[in-house]
Full PDB file with SEQRES, HELIX, SHEET, SSBOND, CRYST1, ORIGX, SCALE, CONECT and MASTER records, all heavy atoms in Angstrom:
SEQRES   1 A   31  PRO THR TYR ASN ALA PHE ILE HIS PHE ALA VAL PRO ILE          
SEQRES   2 A   31  CYS ASN GLY HIS LEU ALA GLU ASN PRO ILE THR GLY ALA          
SEQRES   3 A   31  LEU GLN THR PRO GLN                                          
CRYST1    1.000    1.000    1.000  90.00  90.00  90.00 P 1           1          
ORIGX1      1.000000  0.000000  0.000000        0.00000                         
ORIGX2      0.000000  1.000000  0.000000        0.00000                         
ORIGX3      0.000000  0.000000  1.000000        0.00000                         
SCALE1      1.000000  0.000000  0.000000        0.00000                         
SCALE2      0.000000  1.000000  0.000000        0.00000                         
SCALE3      0.000000  0.000000  1.000000        0.00000                         
ATOM      1  N   PRO A   1      -8.375 -15.251  12.467  1.00  0.00           N  
ATOM      2  CA  PRO A   1      -8.994 -14.676  11.272  1.00  0.00           C  
ATOM      3  C   PRO A   1      -9.456 -13.272  11.499  1.00  0.00           C  
ATOM      4  O   PRO A   1      -9.729 -12.881  12.671  1.00  0.00           O  
ATOM      5  CB  PRO A   1     -10.210 -15.626  11.037  1.00  0.00           C  
ATOM      6  CG  PRO A   1     -10.497 -16.255  12.326  1.00  0.00           C  
ATOM      7  CD  PRO A   1      -9.163 -16.348  13.047  1.00  0.00           C  
ATOM      8  N   THR A   2      -9.565 -12.543  10.454  1.00  0.00           N  
ATOM      9  CA  THR A   2     -10.091 -11.178  10.524  1.00  0.00           C  
ATOM     10  C   THR A   2     -11.338 -11.053   9.684  1.00  0.00           C  
ATOM     11  O   THR A   2     -11.603 -11.868   8.732  1.00  0.00           O  
ATOM     12  CB  THR A   2      -9.050 -10.150   9.994  1.00  0.00           C  
ATOM     13  OG1 THR A   2      -8.766 -10.437   8.657  1.00  0.00           O  
ATOM     14  CG2 THR A   2      -7.767 -10.098  10.841  1.00  0.00           C  
ATOM     15  N   TYR A   3     -12.199 -10.107  10.071  1.00  0.00           N  
ATOM     16  CA  TYR A   3     -13.414  -9.887   9.359  1.00  0.00           C  
ATOM     17  C   TYR A   3     -13.565  -8.426   9.005  1.00  0.00           C  
ATOM     18  O   TYR A   3     -13.043  -7.533   9.760  1.00  0.00           O  
ATOM     19  CB  TYR A   3     -14.596 -10.314  10.291  1.00  0.00           C  
ATOM     20  CG  TYR A   3     -14.524 -11.754  10.684  1.00  0.00           C  
ATOM     21  CD1 TYR A   3     -13.915 -12.083  11.897  1.00  0.00           C  
ATOM     22  CD2 TYR A   3     -14.962 -12.751   9.855  1.00  0.00           C  
ATOM     23  CE1 TYR A   3     -13.737 -13.418  12.246  1.00  0.00           C  
ATOM     24  CE2 TYR A   3     -14.903 -14.089  10.211  1.00  0.00           C  
ATOM     25  CZ  TYR A   3     -14.250 -14.437  11.377  1.00  0.00           C  
ATOM     26  OH  TYR A   3     -14.089 -15.713  11.740  1.00  0.00           O  
ATOM     27  N   ASN A   4     -14.097  -8.093   7.861  1.00  0.00           N  
ATOM     28  CA  ASN A   4     -14.177  -6.734   7.408  1.00  0.00           C  
ATOM     29  C   ASN A   4     -15.621  -6.234   7.414  1.00  0.00           C  
ATOM     30  O   ASN A   4     -16.559  -6.948   7.036  1.00  0.00           O  
ATOM     31  CB  ASN A   4     -13.665  -6.618   5.975  1.00  0.00           C  
ATOM     32  CG  ASN A   4     -12.226  -6.989   5.795  1.00  0.00           C  
ATOM     33  OD1 ASN A   4     -11.516  -6.943   6.792  1.00  0.00           O  
ATOM     34  ND2 ASN A   4     -11.856  -7.376   4.655  1.00  0.00           N  
ATOM     35  N   ALA A   5     -15.811  -4.971   7.841  1.00  0.00           N  
ATOM     36  CA  ALA A   5     -17.063  -4.284   7.727  1.00  0.00           C  
ATOM     37  C   ALA A   5     -16.852  -3.184   6.668  1.00  0.00           C  
ATOM     38  O   ALA A   5     -16.050  -2.282   6.904  1.00  0.00           O  
ATOM     39  CB  ALA A   5     -17.499  -3.653   9.081  1.00  0.00           C  
ATOM     40  N   PHE A   6     -17.545  -3.305   5.517  1.00  0.00           N  
ATOM     41  CA  PHE A   6     -17.411  -2.316   4.483  1.00  0.00           C  
ATOM     42  C   PHE A   6     -18.554  -1.259   4.731  1.00  0.00           C  
ATOM     43  O   PHE A   6     -19.716  -1.608   4.758  1.00  0.00           O  
ATOM     44  CB  PHE A   6     -17.609  -2.954   3.116  1.00  0.00           C  
ATOM     45  CG  PHE A   6     -16.506  -3.925   2.777  1.00  0.00           C  
ATOM     46  CD1 PHE A   6     -16.595  -5.296   3.094  1.00  0.00           C  
ATOM     47  CD2 PHE A   6     -15.391  -3.455   2.115  1.00  0.00           C  
ATOM     48  CE1 PHE A   6     -15.579  -6.152   2.793  1.00  0.00           C  
ATOM     49  CE2 PHE A   6     -14.324  -4.367   1.820  1.00  0.00           C  
ATOM     50  CZ  PHE A   6     -14.447  -5.699   2.129  1.00  0.00           C  
ATOM     51  N   ILE A   7     -18.133  -0.023   4.853  1.00  0.00           N  
ATOM     52  CA  ILE A   7     -19.102   1.075   5.150  1.00  0.00           C  
ATOM     53  C   ILE A   7     -19.026   2.124   3.995  1.00  0.00           C  
ATOM     54  O   ILE A   7     -17.973   2.688   3.779  1.00  0.00           O  
ATOM     55  CB  ILE A   7     -18.795   1.742   6.520  1.00  0.00           C  
ATOM     56  CG1 ILE A   7     -18.898   0.724   7.619  1.00  0.00           C  
ATOM     57  CG2 ILE A   7     -19.690   2.912   6.740  1.00  0.00           C  
ATOM     58  CD1 ILE A   7     -18.335   1.104   8.893  1.00  0.00           C  
ATOM     59  N   HIS A   8     -20.117   2.220   3.226  1.00  0.00           N  
ATOM     60  CA  HIS A   8     -20.196   2.979   2.038  1.00  0.00           C  
ATOM     61  C   HIS A   8     -20.900   4.325   2.346  1.00  0.00           C  
ATOM     62  O   HIS A   8     -21.767   4.390   3.236  1.00  0.00           O  
ATOM     63  CB  HIS A   8     -20.947   2.300   0.941  1.00  0.00           C  
ATOM     64  CG  HIS A   8     -20.333   0.952   0.609  1.00  0.00           C  
ATOM     65  ND1 HIS A   8     -19.361   0.788  -0.368  1.00  0.00           N  
ATOM     66  CD2 HIS A   8     -20.601  -0.278   1.052  1.00  0.00           C  
ATOM     67  CE1 HIS A   8     -19.063  -0.496  -0.390  1.00  0.00           C  
ATOM     68  NE2 HIS A   8     -19.793  -1.209   0.434  1.00  0.00           N  
ATOM     69  N   PHE A   9     -20.520   5.348   1.587  1.00  0.00           N  
ATOM     70  CA  PHE A   9     -21.208   6.659   1.776  1.00  0.00           C  
ATOM     71  C   PHE A   9     -21.060   7.440   0.538  1.00  0.00           C  
ATOM     72  O   PHE A   9     -20.243   7.151  -0.357  1.00  0.00           O  
ATOM     73  CB  PHE A   9     -20.516   7.425   2.989  1.00  0.00           C  
ATOM     74  CG  PHE A   9     -19.087   7.542   2.905  1.00  0.00           C  
ATOM     75  CD1 PHE A   9     -18.430   8.569   2.291  1.00  0.00           C  
ATOM     76  CD2 PHE A   9     -18.226   6.614   3.549  1.00  0.00           C  
ATOM     77  CE1 PHE A   9     -17.015   8.652   2.160  1.00  0.00           C  
ATOM     78  CE2 PHE A   9     -16.872   6.629   3.516  1.00  0.00           C  
ATOM     79  CZ  PHE A   9     -16.241   7.705   2.841  1.00  0.00           C  
ATOM     80  N   ALA A  10     -21.932   8.463   0.427  1.00  0.00           N  
ATOM     81  CA  ALA A  10     -21.948   9.307  -0.762  1.00  0.00           C  
ATOM     82  C   ALA A  10     -21.363  10.678  -0.362  1.00  0.00           C  
ATOM     83  O   ALA A  10     -21.630  11.191   0.684  1.00  0.00           O  
ATOM     84  CB  ALA A  10     -23.387   9.483  -1.289  1.00  0.00           C  
ATOM     85  N   VAL A  11     -20.596  11.259  -1.285  1.00  0.00           N  
ATOM     86  CA  VAL A  11     -20.025  12.565  -1.095  1.00  0.00           C  
ATOM     87  C   VAL A  11     -19.980  13.286  -2.407  1.00  0.00           C  
ATOM     88  O   VAL A  11     -20.015  12.691  -3.454  1.00  0.00           O  
ATOM     89  CB  VAL A  11     -18.562  12.472  -0.594  1.00  0.00           C  
ATOM     90  CG1 VAL A  11     -18.460  12.045   0.814  1.00  0.00           C  
ATOM     91  CG2 VAL A  11     -17.736  11.557  -1.440  1.00  0.00           C  
ATOM     92  N   PRO A  12     -19.931  14.677  -2.313  1.00  0.00           N  
ATOM     93  CA  PRO A  12     -19.815  15.383  -3.614  1.00  0.00           C  
ATOM     94  C   PRO A  12     -18.423  15.187  -4.231  1.00  0.00           C  
ATOM     95  O   PRO A  12     -17.489  14.961  -3.527  1.00  0.00           O  
ATOM     96  CB  PRO A  12     -19.994  16.902  -3.139  1.00  0.00           C  
ATOM     97  CG  PRO A  12     -19.653  16.872  -1.705  1.00  0.00           C  
ATOM     98  CD  PRO A  12     -20.017  15.519  -1.170  1.00  0.00           C  
ATOM     99  N   ILE A  13     -18.340  15.259  -5.505  1.00  0.00           N  
ATOM    100  CA  ILE A  13     -17.036  15.111  -6.220  1.00  0.00           C  
ATOM    101  C   ILE A  13     -16.088  16.242  -5.753  1.00  0.00           C  
ATOM    102  O   ILE A  13     -16.597  17.394  -5.623  1.00  0.00           O  
ATOM    103  CB  ILE A  13     -17.222  15.092  -7.733  1.00  0.00           C  
ATOM    104  CG1 ILE A  13     -17.869  13.722  -8.092  1.00  0.00           C  
ATOM    105  CG2 ILE A  13     -15.859  15.145  -8.407  1.00  0.00           C  
ATOM    106  CD1 ILE A  13     -18.099  13.514  -9.564  1.00  0.00           C  
ATOM    107  N   CYS A  14     -14.889  15.858  -5.524  1.00  0.00           N  
ATOM    108  CA  CYS A  14     -13.952  16.869  -4.924  1.00  0.00           C  
ATOM    109  C   CYS A  14     -13.635  18.045  -5.755  1.00  0.00           C  
ATOM    110  O   CYS A  14     -13.605  19.160  -5.274  1.00  0.00           O  
ATOM    111  CB  CYS A  14     -12.675  16.091  -4.573  1.00  0.00           C  
ATOM    112  SG  CYS A  14     -11.335  17.124  -4.012  1.00  0.00           S  
ATOM    113  N   ASN A  15     -13.371  17.920  -7.063  1.00  0.00           N  
ATOM    114  CA  ASN A  15     -12.937  18.935  -7.882  1.00  0.00           C  
ATOM    115  C   ASN A  15     -11.681  19.701  -7.411  1.00  0.00           C  
ATOM    116  O   ASN A  15     -11.513  20.895  -7.644  1.00  0.00           O  
ATOM    117  CB  ASN A  15     -14.075  20.018  -8.147  1.00  0.00           C  
ATOM    118  CG  ASN A  15     -15.204  19.415  -8.897  1.00  0.00           C  
ATOM    119  OD1 ASN A  15     -15.025  18.527  -9.688  1.00  0.00           O  
ATOM    120  ND2 ASN A  15     -16.464  19.918  -8.560  1.00  0.00           N  
ATOM    121  N   GLY A  16     -10.874  18.983  -6.686  1.00  0.00           N  
ATOM    122  CA  GLY A  16      -9.577  19.501  -6.229  1.00  0.00           C  
ATOM    123  C   GLY A  16      -9.667  20.475  -5.022  1.00  0.00           C  
ATOM    124  O   GLY A  16      -8.674  20.975  -4.605  1.00  0.00           O  
ATOM    125  N   HIS A  17     -10.851  20.630  -4.432  1.00  0.00           N  
ATOM    126  CA  HIS A  17     -10.973  21.502  -3.309  1.00  0.00           C  
ATOM    127  C   HIS A  17     -10.565  20.835  -2.008  1.00  0.00           C  
ATOM    128  O   HIS A  17     -11.009  19.685  -1.731  1.00  0.00           O  
ATOM    129  CB  HIS A  17     -12.388  22.021  -3.171  1.00  0.00           C  
ATOM    130  CG  HIS A  17     -12.806  22.865  -4.354  1.00  0.00           C  
ATOM    131  ND1 HIS A  17     -12.217  24.081  -4.676  1.00  0.00           N  
ATOM    132  CD2 HIS A  17     -13.764  22.626  -5.297  1.00  0.00           C  
ATOM    133  CE1 HIS A  17     -12.795  24.585  -5.793  1.00  0.00           C  
ATOM    134  NE2 HIS A  17     -13.745  23.701  -6.164  1.00  0.00           N  
ATOM    135  N   LEU A  18      -9.753  21.500  -1.259  1.00  0.00           N  
ATOM    136  CA  LEU A  18      -9.302  20.984   0.077  1.00  0.00           C  
ATOM    137  C   LEU A  18      -9.896  21.863   1.184  1.00  0.00           C  
ATOM    138  O   LEU A  18      -9.992  23.062   0.988  1.00  0.00           O  
ATOM    139  CB  LEU A  18      -7.771  20.877   0.180  1.00  0.00           C  
ATOM    140  CG  LEU A  18      -7.061  19.946  -0.837  1.00  0.00           C  
ATOM    141  CD1 LEU A  18      -5.528  20.086  -0.662  1.00  0.00           C  
ATOM    142  CD2 LEU A  18      -7.436  18.567  -0.630  1.00  0.00           C  
ATOM    143  N   ALA A  19     -10.178  21.286   2.294  1.00  0.00           N  
ATOM    144  CA  ALA A  19     -10.609  21.962   3.424  1.00  0.00           C  
ATOM    145  C   ALA A  19      -9.898  21.472   4.655  1.00  0.00           C  
ATOM    146  O   ALA A  19      -9.426  20.326   4.666  1.00  0.00           O  
ATOM    147  CB  ALA A  19     -12.122  21.790   3.641  1.00  0.00           C  
ATOM    148  N   GLU A  20      -9.744  22.285   5.684  1.00  0.00           N  
ATOM    149  CA  GLU A  20      -8.999  21.876   6.866  1.00  0.00           C  
ATOM    150  C   GLU A  20      -9.920  21.048   7.778  1.00  0.00           C  
ATOM    151  O   GLU A  20     -11.058  21.414   8.066  1.00  0.00           O  
ATOM    152  CB  GLU A  20      -8.531  23.051   7.609  1.00  0.00           C  
ATOM    153  CG  GLU A  20      -7.628  22.734   8.835  1.00  0.00           C  
ATOM    154  CD  GLU A  20      -7.073  23.967   9.513  1.00  0.00           C  
ATOM    155  OE1 GLU A  20      -6.915  24.990   8.889  1.00  0.00           O  
ATOM    156  OE2 GLU A  20      -6.810  23.813  10.703  1.00  0.00           O  
ATOM    157  N   ASN A  21      -9.387  19.880   8.206  1.00  0.00           N  
ATOM    158  CA  ASN A  21     -10.098  19.057   9.191  1.00  0.00           C  
ATOM    159  C   ASN A  21     -10.005  19.796  10.543  1.00  0.00           C  
ATOM    160  O   ASN A  21      -8.904  19.998  10.993  1.00  0.00           O  
ATOM    161  CB  ASN A  21      -9.428  17.647   9.196  1.00  0.00           C  
ATOM    162  CG  ASN A  21     -10.081  16.762  10.254  1.00  0.00           C  
ATOM    163  OD1 ASN A  21     -10.505  17.126  11.269  1.00  0.00           O  
ATOM    164  ND2 ASN A  21     -10.075  15.477   9.931  1.00  0.00           N  
ATOM    165  N   PRO A  22     -11.137  20.179  11.091  1.00  0.00           N  
ATOM    166  CA  PRO A  22     -11.056  20.998  12.292  1.00  0.00           C  
ATOM    167  C   PRO A  22     -10.550  20.205  13.515  1.00  0.00           C  
ATOM    168  O   PRO A  22     -10.109  20.806  14.518  1.00  0.00           O  
ATOM    169  CB  PRO A  22     -12.526  21.362  12.537  1.00  0.00           C  
ATOM    170  CG  PRO A  22     -13.356  20.347  11.778  1.00  0.00           C  
ATOM    171  CD  PRO A  22     -12.563  19.941  10.630  1.00  0.00           C  
ATOM    172  N   ILE A  23     -10.467  18.863  13.416  1.00  0.00           N  
ATOM    173  CA  ILE A  23      -9.976  18.072  14.559  1.00  0.00           C  
ATOM    174  C   ILE A  23      -8.470  17.857  14.426  1.00  0.00           C  
ATOM    175  O   ILE A  23      -7.719  18.002  15.346  1.00  0.00           O  
ATOM    176  CB  ILE A  23     -10.742  16.713  14.610  1.00  0.00           C  
ATOM    177  CG1 ILE A  23     -12.224  16.984  14.878  1.00  0.00           C  
ATOM    178  CG2 ILE A  23     -10.107  15.806  15.691  1.00  0.00           C  
ATOM    179  CD1 ILE A  23     -13.147  15.829  14.744  1.00  0.00           C  
ATOM    180  N   THR A  24      -7.976  17.476  13.200  1.00  0.00           N  
ATOM    181  CA  THR A  24      -6.574  17.154  13.065  1.00  0.00           C  
ATOM    182  C   THR A  24      -5.805  18.281  12.461  1.00  0.00           C  
ATOM    183  O   THR A  24      -4.576  18.321  12.481  1.00  0.00           O  
ATOM    184  CB  THR A  24      -6.408  15.946  12.118  1.00  0.00           C  
ATOM    185  OG1 THR A  24      -6.919  16.233  10.817  1.00  0.00           O  
ATOM    186  CG2 THR A  24      -7.165  14.727  12.653  1.00  0.00           C  
ATOM    187  N   GLY A  25      -6.452  19.256  11.769  1.00  0.00           N  
ATOM    188  CA  GLY A  25      -5.746  20.321  11.134  1.00  0.00           C  
ATOM    189  C   GLY A  25      -5.292  19.953   9.759  1.00  0.00           C  
ATOM    190  O   GLY A  25      -4.708  20.807   9.049  1.00  0.00           O  
ATOM    191  N   ALA A  26      -5.435  18.704   9.328  1.00  0.00           N  
ATOM    192  CA  ALA A  26      -4.908  18.310   8.022  1.00  0.00           C  
ATOM    193  C   ALA A  26      -5.864  18.833   6.889  1.00  0.00           C  
ATOM    194  O   ALA A  26      -7.063  18.995   7.122  1.00  0.00           O  
ATOM    195  CB  ALA A  26      -4.913  16.788   7.939  1.00  0.00           C  
ATOM    196  N   LEU A  27      -5.230  19.122   5.712  1.00  0.00           N  
ATOM    197  CA  LEU A  27      -6.062  19.440   4.627  1.00  0.00           C  
ATOM    198  C   LEU A  27      -6.577  18.145   4.021  1.00  0.00           C  
ATOM    199  O   LEU A  27      -5.863  17.199   3.734  1.00  0.00           O  
ATOM    200  CB  LEU A  27      -5.175  20.217   3.586  1.00  0.00           C  
ATOM    201  CG  LEU A  27      -4.760  21.585   4.015  1.00  0.00           C  
ATOM    202  CD1 LEU A  27      -3.882  22.185   2.942  1.00  0.00           C  
ATOM    203  CD2 LEU A  27      -5.974  22.461   4.178  1.00  0.00           C  
ATOM    204  N   GLN A  28      -7.917  18.160   3.752  1.00  0.00           N  
ATOM    205  CA  GLN A  28      -8.515  16.973   3.213  1.00  0.00           C  
ATOM    206  C   GLN A  28      -9.559  17.322   2.116  1.00  0.00           C  
ATOM    207  O   GLN A  28     -10.145  18.393   2.137  1.00  0.00           O  
ATOM    208  CB  GLN A  28      -9.268  16.206   4.307  1.00  0.00           C  
ATOM    209  CG  GLN A  28      -8.325  15.674   5.417  1.00  0.00           C  
ATOM    210  CD  GLN A  28      -9.087  14.881   6.473  1.00  0.00           C  
ATOM    211  OE1 GLN A  28     -10.127  15.307   6.971  1.00  0.00           O  
ATOM    212  NE2 GLN A  28      -8.590  13.754   6.771  1.00  0.00           N  
ATOM    213  N   THR A  29      -9.745  16.299   1.235  1.00  0.00           N  
ATOM    214  CA  THR A  29     -10.830  16.469   0.273  1.00  0.00           C  
ATOM    215  C   THR A  29     -12.092  16.048   0.965  1.00  0.00           C  
ATOM    216  O   THR A  29     -12.131  15.595   2.049  1.00  0.00           O  
ATOM    217  CB  THR A  29     -10.577  15.414  -0.877  1.00  0.00           C  
ATOM    218  OG1 THR A  29     -10.716  14.103  -0.358  1.00  0.00           O  
ATOM    219  CG2 THR A  29      -9.219  15.580  -1.553  1.00  0.00           C  
ATOM    220  N   PRO A  30     -13.316  16.391   0.297  1.00  0.00           N  
ATOM    221  CA  PRO A  30     -14.546  16.069   0.932  1.00  0.00           C  
ATOM    222  C   PRO A  30     -14.612  14.539   1.210  1.00  0.00           C  
ATOM    223  O   PRO A  30     -15.208  14.104   2.208  1.00  0.00           O  
ATOM    224  CB  PRO A  30     -15.614  16.528  -0.090  1.00  0.00           C  
ATOM    225  CG  PRO A  30     -14.948  17.588  -0.798  1.00  0.00           C  
ATOM    226  CD  PRO A  30     -13.489  17.233  -0.885  1.00  0.00           C  
ATOM    227  N   GLN A  31     -14.108  13.735   0.276  1.00  0.00           N  
ATOM    228  CA  GLN A  31     -14.101  12.252   0.504  1.00  0.00           C  
ATOM    229  C   GLN A  31     -13.351  11.897   1.692  1.00  0.00           C  
ATOM    230  O   GLN A  31     -13.770  10.998   2.518  1.00  0.00           O  
ATOM    231  CB  GLN A  31     -13.561  11.494  -0.754  1.00  0.00           C  
ATOM    232  CG  GLN A  31     -14.577  11.581  -1.958  1.00  0.00           C  
ATOM    233  CD  GLN A  31     -14.404  12.818  -2.765  1.00  0.00           C  
ATOM    234  OE1 GLN A  31     -13.742  13.829  -2.326  1.00  0.00           O  
ATOM    235  NE2 GLN A  31     -15.031  12.844  -3.951  1.00  0.00           N  
TER     236      GLN A  31                                                      
MASTER        0    0    0    0    0    0    0    6  235    1    0    3          
END                                                                             
């Protein structure tokens, strides 16, 4: 069997803005 841990968090709404992840280099939304 598997068990899930649901981890919730709050973030500002994206509004289409992307930023570069400094670790992976990928473009990501705030979420």
